[in-house]
Amino acid sequence: MKKLDEILNANPNRRSEYTLERMMELIEPRDRDELILALGNLVHSGRIQKLIRVVSRRGQGGIGDFDSIEQVPSEMLDSRTGVNVEVTPDDLQFIYVVPAQHDHR
């Protein structure tokens, strides 16, 4: 996928984050499953990282990042509103992280 390679190499000195939906918009793959498979292969090879972000329902943005679904708590403090919230699947986003070339996270 040429467009995927372009995204991976677009900003080598800056960490970039993309939701699956944003990747779909940028790459416009013929098949969503083909893109998901390609992203999975890149995660497996260590070229990119996948994380799960809990998103605030009332505030803008994330309130916690986790490496796996098992690590996501059932309840957590929404630091943007100061309220404890029950975490539901609707609160989760899968984020693909393209690290900066010097970033070895």
C-alpha atoms as a PDB file:
ATOM      1  CA  MET A   1       0.000   0.000   0.000  1.00  0.00           C
ATOM      2  CA  LYS A   2       1.812   3.026  -1.302  1.00  0.00           C
ATOM      3  CA  LYS A   3      -0.240   5.577   0.664  1.00  0.00           C
ATOM      4  CA  LEU A   4       0.419   3.699   3.914  1.00  0.00           C
ATOM      5  CA  ASP A   5       4.171   3.824   3.239  1.00  0.00           C
ATOM      6  CA  GLU A   6       3.891   7.552   2.560  1.00  0.00           C
ATOM      7  CA  ILE A   7       2.175   8.089   5.928  1.00  0.00           C
ATOM      8  CA  LEU A   8       4.785   6.036   7.754  1.00  0.00           C
ATOM      9  CA  ASN A   9       7.600   8.084   6.230  1.00  0.00           C
ATOM     10  CA  ALA A  10       5.927  11.525   6.165  1.00  0.00           C
ATOM     11  CA  ASN A  11       7.303  12.918   9.438  1.00  0.00           C
ATOM     12  CA  PRO A  12      10.349  10.876  10.465  1.00  0.00           C
ATOM     13  CA  ASN A  13      11.330  13.283  13.246  1.00  0.00           C
ATOM     14  CA  ARG A  14       7.872  13.513  14.809  1.00  0.00           C
ATOM     15  CA  ARG A  15       5.649  10.956  16.530  1.00  0.00           C
ATOM     16  CA  SER A  16       2.272  10.731  14.775  1.00  0.00           C
ATOM     17  CA  GLU A  17      -1.011   9.205  15.917  1.00  0.00           C
ATOM     18  CA  TYR A  18      -3.917   8.031  13.767  1.00  0.00           C
ATOM     19  CA  THR A  19      -7.263   6.451  14.501  1.00  0.00           C
ATOM     20  CA  LEU A  20      -8.335   3.625  12.211  1.00  0.00           C
ATOM     21  CA  GLU A  21     -10.980   5.939  10.783  1.00  0.00           C
ATOM     22  CA  ARG A  22      -8.344   8.563   9.934  1.00  0.00           C
ATOM     23  CA  MET A  23      -6.144   5.923   8.313  1.00  0.00           C
ATOM     24  CA  MET A  24      -9.151   4.864   6.222  1.00  0.00           C
ATOM     25  CA  GLU A  25      -9.685   8.472   5.096  1.00  0.00           C
ATOM     26  CA  LEU A  26      -6.024   9.006   4.201  1.00  0.00           C
ATOM     27  CA  ILE A  27      -5.340   5.691   2.514  1.00  0.00           C
ATOM     28  CA  GLU A  28      -8.721   4.964   0.910  1.00  0.00           C
ATOM     29  CA  PRO A  29      -8.086   1.208   0.718  1.00  0.00           C
ATOM     30  CA  ARG A  30     -10.134  -0.998  -1.572  1.00  0.00           C
ATOM     31  CA  ASP A  31     -10.829  -3.228   1.407  1.00  0.00           C
ATOM     32  CA  ARG A  32     -10.986  -2.213   5.095  1.00  0.00           C
ATOM     33  CA  ASP A  33      -9.816  -5.688   6.139  1.00  0.00           C
ATOM     34  CA  GLU A  34      -6.728  -5.357   3.923  1.00  0.00           C
ATOM     35  CA  LEU A  35      -5.745  -2.155   5.761  1.00  0.00           C
ATOM     36  CA  ILE A  36      -6.402  -3.728   9.168  1.00  0.00           C
ATOM     37  CA  LEU A  37      -4.221  -6.699   8.228  1.00  0.00           C
ATOM     38  CA  ALA A  38      -1.422  -4.412   6.994  1.00  0.00           C
ATOM     39  CA  LEU A  39      -1.581  -2.359  10.205  1.00  0.00           C
ATOM     40  CA  GLY A  40      -1.529  -5.559  12.277  1.00  0.00           C
ATOM     41  CA  ASN A  41       1.586  -6.714  10.452  1.00  0.00           C
ATOM     42  CA  LEU A  42       3.270  -3.364  11.108  1.00  0.00           C
ATOM     43  CA  VAL A  43       2.390  -3.591  14.807  1.00  0.00           C
ATOM     44  CA  HIS A  44       3.698  -7.158  14.954  1.00  0.00           C
ATOM     45  CA  SER A  45       6.969  -6.134  13.309  1.00  0.00           C
ATOM     46  CA  GLY A  46       7.406  -3.214  15.725  1.00  0.00           C
ATOM     47  CA  ARG A  47       7.271  -0.541  13.031  1.00  0.00           C
ATOM     48  CA  ILE A  48       4.194   1.048  14.619  1.00  0.00           C
ATOM     49  CA  GLN A  49       2.423   0.710  17.962  1.00  0.00           C
ATOM     50  CA  LYS A  50      -1.274   0.157  18.625  1.00  0.00           C
ATOM     51  CA  LEU A  51      -2.784   1.508  21.801  1.00  0.00           C
ATOM     52  CA  ILE A  52      -6.254   1.776  23.229  1.00  0.00           C
ATOM     53  CA  ARG A  53      -7.297   5.249  24.290  1.00  0.00           C
ATOM     54  CA  VAL A  54     -10.151   5.942  26.684  1.00  0.00           C
ATOM     55  CA  VAL A  55     -11.818   9.126  25.453  1.00  0.00           C
ATOM     56  CA  SER A  56     -13.658  11.602  27.659  1.00  0.00           C
ATOM     57  CA  ARG A  57     -17.384  11.712  26.975  1.00  0.00           C
ATOM     58  CA  ARG A  58     -17.711  15.353  27.986  1.00  0.00           C
ATOM     59  CA  GLY A  59     -14.254  16.785  27.473  1.00  0.00           C
ATOM     60  CA  GLN A  60     -12.251  16.728  24.290  1.00  0.00           C
ATOM     61  CA  GLY A  61      -9.541  14.097  24.066  1.00  0.00           C
ATOM     62  CA  GLY A  62      -8.154  11.085  25.801  1.00  0.00           C
ATOM     63  CA  ILE A  63      -8.040  10.350  29.510  1.00  0.00           C
ATOM     64  CA  GLY A  64      -5.895   7.233  29.404  1.00  0.00           C
ATOM     65  CA  ASP A  65      -3.800   5.099  27.029  1.00  0.00           C
ATOM     66  CA  PHE A  66      -3.353   1.352  27.403  1.00  0.00           C
ATOM     67  CA  ASP A  67      -1.337  -1.293  25.567  1.00  0.00           C
ATOM     68  CA  SER A  68      -4.101  -3.916  25.651  1.00  0.00           C
ATOM     69  CA  ILE A  69      -7.830  -4.180  26.198  1.00  0.00           C
ATOM     70  CA  GLU A  70      -7.156  -6.216  29.344  1.00  0.00           C
ATOM     71  CA  GLN A  71      -5.431  -3.200  30.917  1.00  0.00           C
ATOM     72  CA  VAL A  72      -8.419  -0.876  30.429  1.00  0.00           C
ATOM     73  CA  PRO A  73     -10.153  -0.408  33.783  1.00  0.00           C
ATOM     74  CA  SER A  74     -13.917  -0.722  34.099  1.00  0.00           C
ATOM     75  CA  GLU A  75     -13.975   2.665  35.841  1.00  0.00           C
ATOM     76  CA  MET A  76     -11.574   5.599  35.854  1.00  0.00           C
ATOM     77  CA  LEU A  77     -11.289   9.277  36.639  1.00  0.00           C
ATOM     78  CA  ASP A  78     -12.063  11.539  33.713  1.00  0.00           C
ATOM     79  CA  SER A  79      -9.298  14.054  34.338  1.00  0.00           C
ATOM     80  CA  ARG A  80     -10.960  16.519  31.972  1.00  0.00           C
ATOM     81  CA  THR A  81     -14.192  16.702  34.023  1.00  0.00           C
ATOM     82  CA  GLY A  82     -13.030  15.519  37.460  1.00  0.00           C
ATOM     83  CA  VAL A  83     -15.683  12.785  37.531  1.00  0.00           C
ATOM     84  CA  ASN A  84     -15.281   9.010  37.861  1.00  0.00           C
ATOM     85  CA  VAL A  85     -16.818   7.303  34.824  1.00  0.00           C
ATOM     86  CA  GLU A  86     -17.672   3.749  33.893  1.00  0.00           C
ATOM     87  CA  VAL A  87     -15.634   2.831  30.824  1.00  0.00           C
ATOM     88  CA  THR A  88     -17.708   1.338  28.000  1.00  0.00           C
ATOM     89  CA  PRO A  89     -16.722   0.197  24.503  1.00  0.00           C
ATOM     90  CA  ASP A  90     -18.082   3.502  23.163  1.00  0.00           C
ATOM     91  CA  ASP A  91     -15.362   5.290  25.143  1.00  0.00           C
ATOM     92  CA  LEU A  92     -12.508   3.430  23.412  1.00  0.00           C
ATOM     93  CA  GLN A  93     -10.474   4.353  20.342  1.00  0.00           C
ATOM     94  CA  PHE A  94      -7.772   2.261  18.723  1.00  0.00           C
ATOM     95  CA  ILE A  95      -4.809   4.499  17.976  1.00  0.00           C
ATOM     96  CA  TYR A  96      -1.924   3.633  15.669  1.00  0.00           C
ATOM     97  CA  VAL A  97       1.292   5.394  16.655  1.00  0.00           C
ATOM     98  CA  VAL A  98       4.089   6.021  14.176  1.00  0.00           C
ATOM     99  CA  PRO A  99       7.101   6.800  16.368  1.00  0.00           C
ATOM    100  CA  ALA A 100       9.731   9.340  15.460  1.00  0.00           C
ATOM    101  CA  GLN A 101      12.805   7.591  14.071  1.00  0.00           C
ATOM    102  CA  HIS A 102      14.764   8.405  17.231  1.00  0.00           C
ATOM    103  CA  ASP A 103      11.810   7.414  19.512  1.00  0.00           C
ATOM    104  CA  HIS A 104      12.391   3.875  20.798  1.00  0.00           C
ATOM    105  CA  ARG A 105       9.344   3.611  23.081  1.00  0.00           C
END
